[in-house]
Amino acid sequence: MTEAAPRRRSRGGGGAARRAERSSIKIETAKYIERNIPNFEVLTEEAIEIIETNAETILEEVGVNFVDNPAALERWRAAGADVQGERVRIPRGLARKLCETAPSTFTQHARNPEKSVEIGGKNLVLAPIYGPPFVRDAKGGRRYATLEDFQKFVKLGYMSKWLHHSGGTVCEPTDVPVNKRHLDMLLAHMTLSDKPFMGSVTEPSRAQDSVDMCGVLFGKEFVQDNTVMTSLININSPMTFDDVMMGALEVYAKNNQACIISPFIVGGAMAPVSVAGTLTQVLAEVLAGVAYSQLIRPGAPVIFGAFVSSIDMNSGAPTFGTPEASLVTYGAGQLARRLGLPFRSAGSFCGSKLPDAQAAYETANSLNMGLMSGVNFMLHSCGWLEGGLVADFEKFVMDADQLGVLHGLAKGVTVSEDDQAMDAIREVGPGGHYLGCAHTQANFKTAFWKSDLLDYKPFETWEEEGARDTYALASARVDHLLATYQPPALDPAIKDALEAYVAEKKASMPDSFL
C-alpha cells in the first residue's frame, strides 16, 4: 500500500520568495539510496515461524503494559483485548491484523520537494544522530550542548551531500528551558535546512506544536493529507508503553504523521541475551505499538524500529558493532519485511570516547550492517560517540563522508555495454595500461567514489601540508562548511510566521528545566 498522490501545496510564495530562490546557493544532496543489492538474511523459514509464534504467545499470555493512559486501555478493550489493570493481553492474530492497514511505503515531504524521501521498499534514507546531551569538538572538548551547537549541526547536515534527512534532536540544547527547546529545534530545522525533519516526542503538547508549526510551513491542509514528519517513539523495553511516548504517537497518528515504533534493546538488560529471544521480544513490542497506531488512525504511516546493542557483562555498559547486534538487526529486517513495514535500525554506533580507531571499526561494522540488513530509515547515521551520549562535530563529517560508500555499494554491479568495457580491453591489450584509453577518459569522473575528506596524497605532499591526521582534516572541514554556509531560500512571510509562533508559545508559559 502506498500513499495517495499529494495535493498541491497551498503556499506558493510571493516575489520575495522567488528572489530569495534565485539568489540562494544550491547545495548538492544525493537522492535517497535505492538498493540494487540483495538483503543479507540470517533466519531460516523455520526460525521466522518460531519467532512469530512466540511473539504472539507473549502478547496473548504475558501481555504488555500501557501505563498512565486510560484512553489507550479503553481502545484496546474495545478492539477485543483482555485488559486487567494496565496490562493488555492481545489475542493471537489481533495485533497482526491491525498492522495490515499500515502502509508499506510512504513519502515524507520536505519543504524543498526535490529533497522529499520515499521510506520503505528497497530505499534507504540516512538521518543524523539523535538525542545526546553532550557535544564534543577539537576546540572545546566535551561539554553540555547548546542551541548554537544544535544550529551548527543542522547546518552541517544541510550541507552534507550524502545525508537525506535533517533529523530531530541532533543534540539537546541544554541552555534552553526543557518546555521550550523543542520550538527552537523545530525552527532551526525548518529555516536552516530544506531537508525532511523529525518532530518532538517529549510531551504530547510538543508533538501538537510540531504539527502546528508544520501547518505554518507547509499549509494545514497539506499536512493533513501528506506526511511531513517522521518521529521517534521509543518503547520502554521490556514491553512497557508509557503515556508520554504514546501520547505523542496519538497526536502524530491522528494527524497522518509517521512514527518509528522502536524497542530500546540492550541485550542482557532490556531483552534476553540470546538472538532468538531478543528478536521475539522486539517483534512482540513492535506488533503492539504498530497495532495501537492503527487503532488511532488506520493507514497512519509507521516504521518498524529496532535499536539494538549488546552489553559488557563486566561494566554493564552498552557495546556496539558486535556480531550479536548485527545478527539481531539482520533478523529484525526479515521480520519487518514479513510484516510489510518499513524498517529502522543501525547507525554510526560506537562506544568510544573519541573519534579514534575503536570508533571507526565499530561505526563501519554498524553502517555496513544497516545497508545489508535492508534498513529503510537509518537514524544516527553520523555523529554518534560515547554510546550516544555525545554528538561529535568531527565525527559527524567523518561519518557523513563515509555514507557515500553506502551509496556506492547499493548500486550493485551493472553489465551494460559500457560496463563490460570490451572495447577498452581490446584497445589496451596485453602489457598495456588503461590510464589513457578512451573508456577511461569517458568514465574517470564518475567511475569511483571519492572521499571529500580522506587524504590520498603521497607521503611527501602530506608531510609538507602539515602531516594532518583524519581528525585534523575533519576539524578543518567543519570550519569550512560552517564558514561557507548560506541558508536555503524560504518565503520571508513564512519565516516571520514561524518566528512569531515560537515567540508567542514561549511567552505563554514560564521556563521549566524539569
Protein backbone atom coordinates (compact mmCIF):
# COMPACT_ATOMS: atom_id res chain seq x y z
CA MET A 1 0.00 0.00 0.00
CA THR A 2 1.40 3.41 -0.91
CA GLU A 3 0.33 6.88 -0.02
CA ALA A 4 -2.18 8.65 -2.22
CA ALA A 5 -0.88 11.30 -4.60
CA PRO A 6 -0.22 14.50 -2.66
CA ARG A 7 -2.37 17.54 -3.13
CA ARG A 8 -0.79 20.73 -4.34
CA ARG A 9 0.64 22.82 -1.54
CA SER A 10 -1.32 25.90 -0.68
CA ARG A 11 1.76 28.09 -0.22
CA GLY A 12 3.43 29.18 -3.41
CA GLY A 13 5.38 32.16 -2.01
CA GLY A 14 5.49 35.69 -3.33
CA GLY A 15 8.00 37.80 -5.18
CA ALA A 16 10.35 37.94 -2.20
CA ALA A 17 10.42 34.15 -2.04
CA ARG A 18 11.22 33.88 -5.75
CA ARG A 19 14.02 36.43 -5.45
CA ALA A 20 15.47 34.53 -2.50
CA GLU A 21 15.32 31.31 -4.51
CA ARG A 22 17.20 32.86 -7.42
CA SER A 23 19.96 34.26 -5.19
CA SER A 24 20.48 31.19 -3.00
CA ILE A 25 23.42 28.80 -3.40
CA LYS A 26 22.47 25.29 -4.50
CA ILE A 27 23.75 22.57 -2.16
CA GLU A 28 24.18 19.17 -3.78
CA THR A 29 22.25 16.44 -1.99
CA ALA A 30 22.26 12.85 -3.20
CA LYS A 31 18.92 11.17 -3.69
CA TYR A 32 17.97 8.61 -1.05
CA ILE A 33 19.57 5.23 -1.68
CA GLU A 34 17.77 2.74 -3.90
CA ARG A 35 19.31 -0.69 -3.32
CA ASN A 36 20.30 -2.85 -6.25
CA ILE A 37 21.88 -5.45 -3.98
CA PRO A 38 20.22 -8.29 -2.05
CA ASN A 39 19.50 -8.11 1.66
CA PHE A 40 21.54 -10.35 3.93
CA GLU A 41 19.25 -12.80 5.71
CA VAL A 42 20.21 -14.98 8.67
CA LEU A 43 16.87 -16.54 9.68
CA THR A 44 15.55 -19.70 8.08
CA GLU A 45 11.84 -20.01 7.34
CA GLU A 46 11.52 -22.33 10.33
CA ALA A 47 13.25 -19.80 12.63
CA ILE A 48 10.98 -16.99 11.44
CA GLU A 49 7.85 -19.05 12.08
CA ILE A 50 9.06 -19.97 15.60
CA ILE A 51 9.82 -16.33 16.45
CA GLU A 52 6.48 -15.14 15.06
CA THR A 53 4.58 -17.82 17.00
CA ASN A 54 6.43 -16.99 20.23
CA ALA A 55 5.81 -13.26 19.80
CA GLU A 56 2.08 -13.89 19.53
CA THR A 57 2.29 -16.05 22.65
CA ILE A 58 3.94 -13.18 24.55
CA LEU A 59 1.18 -10.78 23.52
CA GLU A 60 -1.56 -13.26 24.44
CA GLU A 61 -0.18 -14.75 27.67
CA VAL A 62 2.31 -12.24 29.11
CA GLY A 63 0.86 -9.05 27.66
CA VAL A 64 2.22 -5.50 27.51
CA ASN A 65 1.73 -2.55 29.84
CA PHE A 66 0.16 0.75 28.78
CA VAL A 67 0.88 2.89 31.83
CA ASP A 68 -0.92 6.06 32.92
CA ASN A 69 -3.06 6.01 29.79
CA PRO A 70 -6.73 5.10 30.49
CA ALA A 71 -7.78 6.08 26.96
CA ALA A 72 -5.34 3.57 25.48
CA LEU A 73 -6.71 0.84 27.73
CA GLU A 74 -10.24 1.62 26.56
CA ARG A 75 -9.18 1.49 22.92
CA TRP A 76 -7.62 -1.93 23.44
CA ARG A 77 -10.64 -3.19 25.35
CA ALA A 78 -12.94 -2.05 22.53
CA ALA A 79 -10.68 -3.79 19.99
CA GLY A 80 -11.05 -7.12 21.80
CA ALA A 81 -8.01 -7.26 24.06
CA ASP A 82 -8.08 -8.56 27.64
CA VAL A 83 -7.30 -5.56 29.87
CA GLN A 84 -6.51 -6.14 33.54
CA GLY A 85 -5.27 -3.03 35.31
CA GLU A 86 -2.63 -1.56 33.00
CA ARG A 87 -1.74 -4.95 31.46
CA VAL A 88 -3.07 -5.54 27.95
CA ARG A 89 -3.17 -9.10 26.63
CA ILE A 90 -3.80 -9.21 22.91
CA PRO A 91 -5.49 -12.27 21.41
CA ARG A 92 -3.42 -14.21 18.93
CA GLY A 93 -3.63 -12.64 15.48
CA LEU A 94 -5.33 -9.38 16.55
CA ALA A 95 -2.21 -7.18 16.53
CA ARG A 96 -1.03 -8.57 13.21
CA LYS A 97 -4.47 -7.97 11.71
CA LEU A 98 -4.47 -4.36 12.88
CA CYS A 99 -1.00 -3.84 11.39
CA GLU A 100 -2.30 -4.67 7.92
CA THR A 101 -3.61 -1.12 7.41
CA ALA A 102 -0.16 0.46 7.89
CA PRO A 103 1.44 1.44 4.54
CA SER A 104 4.46 -0.48 3.28
CA THR A 105 5.97 2.70 1.85
CA PHE A 106 5.25 6.39 2.26
CA THR A 107 6.65 9.73 1.15
CA GLN A 108 7.95 12.20 3.70
CA HIS A 109 7.73 15.59 2.07
CA ALA A 110 10.46 18.19 2.51
CA ARG A 111 9.82 21.90 2.08
CA ASN A 112 12.10 21.58 -0.94
CA PRO A 113 10.20 18.98 -2.98
CA GLU A 114 13.45 17.83 -4.63
CA LYS A 115 14.56 16.53 -1.22
CA SER A 116 11.43 14.59 -0.29
CA VAL A 117 12.17 10.95 0.57
CA GLU A 118 10.44 7.64 -0.04
CA ILE A 119 10.59 5.44 3.07
CA GLY A 120 10.16 1.70 2.56
CA GLY A 121 10.71 -0.83 -0.20
CA LYS A 122 14.33 -1.03 -1.31
CA ASN A 123 15.10 2.53 -0.23
CA LEU A 124 17.46 3.75 2.49
CA VAL A 125 17.11 7.23 4.00
CA LEU A 126 20.02 8.49 6.12
CA ALA A 127 19.46 10.81 9.09
CA PRO A 128 21.96 12.14 11.68
CA ILE A 129 22.48 11.37 15.36
CA TYR A 130 19.57 11.92 17.77
CA GLY A 131 19.39 12.82 21.45
CA PRO A 132 22.85 13.40 23.01
CA PRO A 133 23.04 15.88 25.91
CA PHE A 134 26.76 16.44 25.26
CA VAL A 135 28.79 17.61 22.27
CA ARG A 136 32.49 17.42 21.50
CA ASP A 137 34.79 19.19 19.08
CA ALA A 138 38.50 19.79 18.62
CA LYS A 139 38.39 23.26 20.15
CA GLY A 140 36.03 22.95 23.12
CA GLY A 141 36.29 19.29 24.07
CA ARG A 142 33.35 17.54 25.73
CA ARG A 143 30.64 19.84 27.12
CA TYR A 144 26.88 20.22 27.50
CA ALA A 145 25.19 21.02 24.21
CA THR A 146 23.75 24.47 23.49
CA LEU A 147 21.29 25.83 20.96
CA GLU A 148 24.21 27.22 18.98
CA ASP A 149 25.67 23.70 18.77
CA PHE A 150 22.30 22.40 17.62
CA GLN A 151 22.07 25.01 14.89
CA LYS A 152 25.60 24.19 13.72
CA PHE A 153 24.70 20.52 13.38
CA VAL A 154 21.60 21.39 11.34
CA LYS A 155 23.78 23.50 9.03
CA LEU A 156 26.31 20.67 8.65
CA GLY A 157 23.51 18.23 7.88
CA TYR A 158 22.06 20.58 5.28
CA MET A 159 25.46 20.87 3.57
CA SER A 160 26.27 17.14 3.72
CA LYS A 161 25.84 15.58 0.30
CA TRP A 162 25.09 12.04 1.45
CA LEU A 163 22.59 12.87 4.23
CA HIS A 164 18.98 12.84 3.07
CA HIS A 165 17.33 13.98 6.28
CA SER A 166 17.88 16.76 8.84
CA GLY A 167 16.91 14.51 11.78
CA GLY A 168 15.39 15.64 15.05
CA THR A 169 17.12 16.24 18.38
CA VAL A 170 20.62 16.24 16.89
CA CYS A 171 21.77 17.28 20.36
CA GLU A 172 19.90 18.54 23.42
CA PRO A 173 20.28 22.35 23.71
CA THR A 174 20.59 22.39 27.49
CA ASP A 175 20.79 26.20 27.67
CA VAL A 176 17.11 26.43 26.65
CA PRO A 177 14.30 25.50 29.06
CA VAL A 178 13.07 21.93 28.61
CA ASN A 179 9.50 23.05 27.91
CA LYS A 180 10.60 25.46 25.16
CA ARG A 181 13.62 23.94 23.46
CA HIS A 182 11.51 21.88 21.05
CA LEU A 183 10.31 25.15 19.50
CA ASP A 184 13.86 26.35 18.82
CA MET A 185 14.88 22.96 17.45
CA LEU A 186 11.95 22.81 15.05
CA LEU A 187 12.55 26.39 13.94
CA ALA A 188 16.19 25.53 13.18
CA HIS A 189 15.24 22.50 11.06
CA MET A 190 12.59 24.49 9.21
CA THR A 191 14.69 27.58 8.46
CA LEU A 192 18.34 26.47 8.38
CA SER A 193 17.71 23.42 6.17
CA ASP A 194 15.26 22.36 3.49
CA LYS A 195 15.59 18.62 4.08
CA PRO A 196 12.91 16.50 5.84
CA PHE A 197 12.97 16.58 9.65
CA MET A 198 11.53 14.97 12.78
CA GLY A 199 9.00 16.23 15.33
CA SER A 200 9.13 16.46 19.12
CA VAL A 201 8.04 13.49 21.24
CA THR A 202 8.92 14.59 24.78
CA GLU A 203 5.33 15.57 25.63
CA PRO A 204 2.06 15.29 23.66
CA SER A 205 1.57 19.07 23.58
CA ARG A 206 5.02 19.42 22.00
CA ALA A 207 4.02 16.92 19.33
CA GLN A 208 0.99 19.13 18.67
CA ASP A 209 3.28 22.17 18.43
CA SER A 210 5.26 20.26 15.81
CA VAL A 211 2.11 19.62 13.78
CA ASP A 212 1.02 23.25 14.13
CA MET A 213 4.40 24.62 13.04
CA CYS A 214 4.31 22.30 10.03
CA GLY A 215 0.91 23.80 9.25
CA VAL A 216 2.61 27.19 9.06
CA LEU A 217 5.46 25.86 6.90
CA PHE A 218 3.51 23.62 4.52
CA GLY A 219 -0.10 24.71 4.93
CA LYS A 220 -2.59 23.00 7.25
CA GLU A 221 -4.45 21.10 4.55
CA PHE A 222 -1.21 19.78 3.06
CA VAL A 223 -0.13 18.45 6.46
CA GLN A 224 -3.39 16.57 6.96
CA ASP A 225 -3.20 15.00 3.51
CA ASN A 226 0.53 14.22 3.47
CA THR A 227 3.33 13.10 5.76
CA VAL A 228 5.84 15.87 6.54
CA MET A 229 7.39 14.48 9.76
CA THR A 230 8.85 11.21 10.97
CA SER A 231 9.18 10.96 14.75
CA LEU A 232 10.79 8.51 17.15
CA ILE A 233 8.55 6.64 19.62
CA ASN A 234 10.71 4.53 21.93
CA ILE A 235 9.23 1.60 23.81
CA ASN A 236 10.36 1.16 27.41
CA SER A 237 11.59 -2.36 26.89
CA PRO A 238 10.67 -4.85 28.11
CA MET A 239 7.08 -4.48 26.95
CA THR A 240 6.06 -1.16 28.50
CA PHE A 241 4.41 1.73 26.64
CA ASP A 242 4.45 4.95 28.66
CA ASP A 243 1.92 7.76 28.43
CA VAL A 244 4.41 10.36 27.15
CA MET A 245 5.54 8.44 24.10
CA MET A 246 2.08 7.02 23.43
CA GLY A 247 0.60 10.50 23.81
CA ALA A 248 2.98 11.81 21.16
CA LEU A 249 2.17 8.82 18.93
CA GLU A 250 -1.54 9.56 19.30
CA VAL A 251 -1.02 13.15 18.12
CA TYR A 252 1.08 12.15 15.13
CA ALA A 253 -1.05 9.21 14.03
CA LYS A 254 -4.20 11.33 14.30
CA ASN A 255 -2.58 13.92 12.02
CA ASN A 256 -1.23 11.43 9.46
CA GLN A 257 2.40 11.88 10.51
CA ALA A 258 4.84 8.98 10.64
CA CYS A 259 6.14 7.33 13.80
CA ILE A 260 9.04 4.95 14.32
CA ILE A 261 7.89 2.32 16.81
CA SER A 262 11.23 1.36 18.28
CA PRO A 263 12.02 -1.07 21.12
CA PHE A 264 15.11 0.10 23.02
CA ILE A 265 17.17 -3.06 23.24
CA VAL A 266 20.32 -3.58 25.26
CA GLY A 267 20.76 -7.35 25.14
CA GLY A 268 21.06 -8.84 28.61
CA ALA A 269 19.39 -5.81 30.25
CA MET A 270 16.22 -4.90 28.35
CA ALA A 271 15.99 -8.16 26.40
CA PRO A 272 17.28 -11.75 26.66
CA VAL A 273 20.94 -12.47 25.93
CA SER A 274 20.04 -14.76 23.01
CA VAL A 275 19.46 -13.51 19.47
CA ALA A 276 16.23 -15.50 19.01
CA GLY A 277 14.84 -14.39 22.38
CA THR A 278 15.62 -10.74 21.64
CA LEU A 279 14.01 -10.94 18.20
CA THR A 280 10.89 -12.47 19.74
CA GLN A 281 10.55 -9.62 22.23
CA VAL A 282 11.27 -6.99 19.55
CA LEU A 283 8.56 -8.40 17.31
CA ALA A 284 6.02 -8.56 20.13
CA GLU A 285 6.68 -4.94 21.12
CA VAL A 286 6.55 -3.66 17.55
CA LEU A 287 3.34 -5.56 16.84
CA ALA A 288 1.66 -3.97 19.86
CA GLY A 289 2.94 -0.46 19.07
CA VAL A 290 2.10 -0.50 15.37
CA ALA A 291 -1.31 -2.02 16.08
CA TYR A 292 -2.03 0.79 18.56
CA SER A 293 -1.12 3.42 15.95
CA GLN A 294 -3.68 1.85 13.63
CA LEU A 295 -6.33 1.97 16.38
CA ILE A 296 -5.77 5.74 16.41
CA ARG A 297 -5.96 6.11 12.62
CA PRO A 298 -5.97 3.18 10.19
CA GLY A 299 -3.44 3.86 7.47
CA ALA A 300 -1.25 6.13 9.60
CA PRO A 301 2.37 5.73 8.40
CA VAL A 302 4.61 3.83 10.78
CA ILE A 303 8.09 2.27 10.78
CA PHE A 304 9.22 -1.00 12.41
CA GLY A 305 12.11 0.14 14.63
CA ALA A 306 14.87 -1.79 16.36
CA PHE A 307 17.59 -0.01 18.31
CA VAL A 308 19.97 -2.81 19.19
CA SER A 309 23.12 -3.06 21.28
CA SER A 310 24.66 -5.72 23.46
CA ILE A 311 26.10 -5.25 26.94
CA ASP A 312 29.51 -5.56 28.53
CA MET A 313 28.81 -8.08 31.28
CA ASN A 314 31.69 -6.69 33.39
CA SER A 315 30.76 -2.99 33.42
CA GLY A 316 27.13 -3.02 32.30
CA ALA A 317 27.95 -0.52 29.51
CA PRO A 318 26.29 -0.95 26.10
CA THR A 319 28.54 -2.21 23.32
CA PHE A 320 28.25 -1.54 19.60
CA GLY A 321 29.42 -3.02 16.33
CA THR A 322 29.22 -6.52 17.81
CA PRO A 323 28.26 -9.68 15.88
CA GLU A 324 25.26 -10.31 18.16
CA ALA A 325 23.78 -6.86 17.48
CA SER A 326 24.32 -7.44 13.77
CA LEU A 327 22.50 -10.77 13.88
CA VAL A 328 19.54 -9.19 15.68
CA THR A 329 19.42 -6.38 13.10
CA TYR A 330 19.59 -8.77 10.14
CA GLY A 331 16.81 -10.86 11.67
CA ALA A 332 14.67 -7.84 12.51
CA GLY A 333 14.90 -6.76 8.88
CA GLN A 334 13.44 -10.09 7.82
CA LEU A 335 10.62 -9.78 10.35
CA ALA A 336 9.83 -6.22 9.22
CA ARG A 337 9.64 -7.29 5.58
CA ARG A 338 7.30 -10.16 6.55
CA LEU A 339 5.01 -7.58 8.15
CA GLY A 340 5.23 -5.36 5.08
CA LEU A 341 6.56 -2.40 7.08
CA PRO A 342 9.48 -0.02 6.55
CA PHE A 343 12.44 -0.85 8.80
CA ARG A 344 14.53 1.45 11.01
CA SER A 345 17.80 0.37 12.59
CA ALA A 346 21.61 0.74 12.57
CA GLY A 347 23.66 3.95 12.59
CA SER A 348 27.20 5.18 13.24
CA PHE A 349 27.23 3.32 16.55
CA CYS A 350 30.32 3.11 18.72
CA GLY A 351 31.22 3.11 22.39
CA SER A 352 34.45 5.06 22.01
CA LYS A 353 35.05 8.33 23.86
CA LEU A 354 36.92 9.82 20.88
CA PRO A 355 36.69 9.52 17.09
CA ASP A 356 39.55 7.01 17.10
CA ALA A 357 40.23 3.51 15.75
CA GLN A 358 37.63 1.94 18.05
CA ALA A 359 35.05 4.41 16.80
CA ALA A 360 35.99 3.71 13.18
CA TYR A 361 35.83 -0.08 13.49
CA GLU A 362 32.54 -0.14 15.37
CA THR A 363 30.96 2.53 13.16
CA ALA A 364 31.97 0.77 9.94
CA ASN A 365 30.52 -2.51 11.22
CA SER A 366 27.26 -0.78 12.19
CA LEU A 367 26.84 1.21 8.96
CA ASN A 368 27.54 -1.74 6.67
CA MET A 369 25.25 -3.97 8.72
CA GLY A 370 22.49 -1.38 8.25
CA LEU A 371 22.88 -1.37 4.49
CA MET A 372 22.95 -5.16 4.22
CA SER A 373 20.03 -5.76 6.61
CA GLY A 374 17.57 -3.81 4.48
CA VAL A 375 17.16 -0.75 6.74
CA ASN A 376 14.86 1.88 5.21
CA PHE A 377 15.40 4.70 7.72
CA MET A 378 18.78 4.95 9.44
CA LEU A 379 18.74 7.33 12.38
CA HIS A 380 22.13 8.11 14.00
CA SER A 381 23.92 7.64 10.66
CA CYS A 382 26.56 10.26 11.54
CA GLY A 383 28.00 11.97 14.61
CA TRP A 384 27.48 9.26 17.26
CA LEU A 385 30.08 8.95 20.02
CA GLU A 386 30.32 7.51 23.54
CA GLY A 387 27.31 5.22 23.27
CA GLY A 388 25.09 8.06 22.08
CA LEU A 389 25.86 10.45 24.92
CA VAL A 390 27.92 12.73 22.68
CA ALA A 391 27.36 14.32 19.28
CA ASP A 392 30.85 14.95 17.89
CA PHE A 393 31.38 17.59 15.19
CA GLU A 394 34.46 15.98 13.68
CA LYS A 395 32.92 12.51 13.69
CA PHE A 396 29.77 13.98 12.14
CA VAL A 397 31.67 15.00 8.99
CA MET A 398 33.78 11.81 9.02
CA ASP A 399 30.67 9.64 9.13
CA ALA A 400 28.78 11.81 6.65
CA ASP A 401 31.66 11.38 4.21
CA GLN A 402 31.62 7.60 4.63
CA LEU A 403 27.88 7.46 3.92
CA GLY A 404 28.92 7.93 0.32
CA VAL A 405 30.35 4.41 0.45
CA LEU A 406 26.86 3.06 1.21
CA HIS A 407 25.51 4.86 -1.85
CA GLY A 408 28.24 3.26 -3.97
CA LEU A 409 27.76 -0.26 -2.62
CA ALA A 410 23.99 -0.07 -3.04
CA LYS A 411 24.35 0.49 -6.78
CA GLY A 412 25.44 -3.11 -7.22
CA VAL A 413 27.03 -4.40 -10.42
CA THR A 414 25.64 -3.40 -13.82
CA VAL A 415 26.57 -5.06 -17.12
CA SER A 416 25.68 -2.51 -19.76
CA GLU A 417 27.79 -2.49 -22.91
CA ASP A 418 29.86 0.33 -21.43
CA ASP A 419 30.28 -1.54 -18.13
CA GLN A 420 31.55 -4.64 -19.92
CA ALA A 421 34.47 -2.50 -21.21
CA MET A 422 35.32 -4.90 -24.03
CA ASP A 423 36.45 -2.02 -26.28
CA ALA A 424 38.87 -0.89 -23.56
CA ILE A 425 40.28 -4.39 -23.12
CA ARG A 426 40.77 -4.70 -26.90
CA GLU A 427 42.35 -1.22 -27.09
CA VAL A 428 44.87 -1.81 -24.31
CA GLY A 429 45.71 -5.44 -24.98
CA PRO A 430 48.38 -7.43 -23.13
CA GLY A 431 51.00 -5.45 -21.22
CA GLY A 432 49.41 -2.02 -21.62
CA HIS A 433 47.63 0.27 -19.16
CA TYR A 434 44.18 1.81 -19.04
CA LEU A 435 45.02 5.35 -17.91
CA GLY A 436 44.81 6.89 -21.37
CA CYS A 437 42.35 4.63 -23.15
CA ALA A 438 39.08 6.02 -24.50
CA HIS A 439 36.90 4.15 -21.97
CA THR A 440 38.84 5.56 -19.00
CA GLN A 441 38.75 9.08 -20.44
CA ALA A 442 34.99 8.84 -20.90
CA ASN A 443 34.28 7.50 -17.39
CA PHE A 444 37.03 8.64 -15.00
CA LYS A 445 34.97 11.43 -13.40
CA THR A 446 32.23 9.08 -12.19
CA ALA A 447 33.88 5.65 -12.13
CA PHE A 448 34.93 5.65 -8.48
CA TRP A 449 33.51 7.07 -5.26
CA LYS A 450 35.75 9.86 -3.99
CA SER A 451 36.06 10.98 -0.39
CA ASP A 452 35.73 14.70 0.31
CA LEU A 453 37.73 14.25 3.50
CA LEU A 454 40.32 11.47 3.48
CA ASP A 455 43.92 12.10 2.31
CA TYR A 456 45.30 10.06 -0.60
CA LYS A 457 48.34 12.25 -1.37
CA PRO A 458 51.92 10.90 -1.47
CA PHE A 459 53.79 10.97 1.84
CA GLU A 460 55.97 13.93 0.84
CA THR A 461 52.99 16.10 -0.10
CA TRP A 462 51.09 15.07 3.02
CA GLU A 463 54.08 15.95 5.20
CA GLU A 464 54.56 19.33 3.51
CA GLU A 465 50.89 20.17 4.14
CA GLY A 466 51.24 19.65 7.89
CA ALA A 467 51.04 15.83 8.28
CA ARG A 468 47.40 16.15 9.31
CA ASP A 469 45.53 13.08 10.52
CA THR A 470 41.86 12.46 9.76
CA TYR A 471 40.74 14.21 12.93
CA ALA A 472 42.57 17.39 11.90
CA LEU A 473 41.16 17.18 8.38
CA ALA A 474 37.66 16.75 9.80
CA SER A 475 38.08 19.75 12.09
CA ALA A 476 39.14 21.88 9.12
CA ARG A 477 36.15 20.64 7.13
CA VAL A 478 33.74 21.54 9.94
CA ASP A 479 35.16 25.07 9.97
CA HIS A 480 34.96 25.36 6.18
CA LEU A 481 31.38 24.14 5.94
CA LEU A 482 30.15 26.46 8.69
CA ALA A 483 32.07 29.42 7.24
CA THR A 484 30.55 28.95 3.79
CA TYR A 485 27.02 28.07 4.93
CA GLN A 486 24.13 30.01 3.44
CA PRO A 487 20.52 29.23 4.41
CA PRO A 488 18.17 27.77 1.81
CA ALA A 489 15.56 30.10 0.36
CA LEU A 490 12.35 30.48 2.37
CA ASP A 491 9.41 32.80 1.83
CA PRO A 492 10.02 35.66 4.33
CA ALA A 493 6.33 35.68 5.26
CA ILE A 494 6.51 32.03 6.31
CA LYS A 495 9.73 32.60 8.23
CA ASP A 496 8.14 35.54 10.06
CA ALA A 497 5.06 33.46 10.86
CA LEU A 498 7.19 30.62 12.28
CA GLU A 499 9.22 33.00 14.44
CA ALA A 500 6.02 34.64 15.67
CA TYR A 501 4.55 31.25 16.60
CA VAL A 502 7.68 30.37 18.59
CA ALA A 503 7.78 33.73 20.34
CA GLU A 504 4.09 33.56 21.29
CA LYS A 505 4.38 29.99 22.58
CA LYS A 506 7.41 30.80 24.67
CA ALA A 507 5.73 33.85 26.15
CA SER A 508 2.68 31.80 27.13
CA MET A 509 4.48 29.69 29.78
CA PRO A 510 7.17 30.09 32.44
CA ASP A 511 10.57 28.48 31.96
CA SER A 512 10.97 24.94 33.22
CA PHE A 513 14.17 22.89 33.30
CA LEU A 514 12.42 19.75 34.56
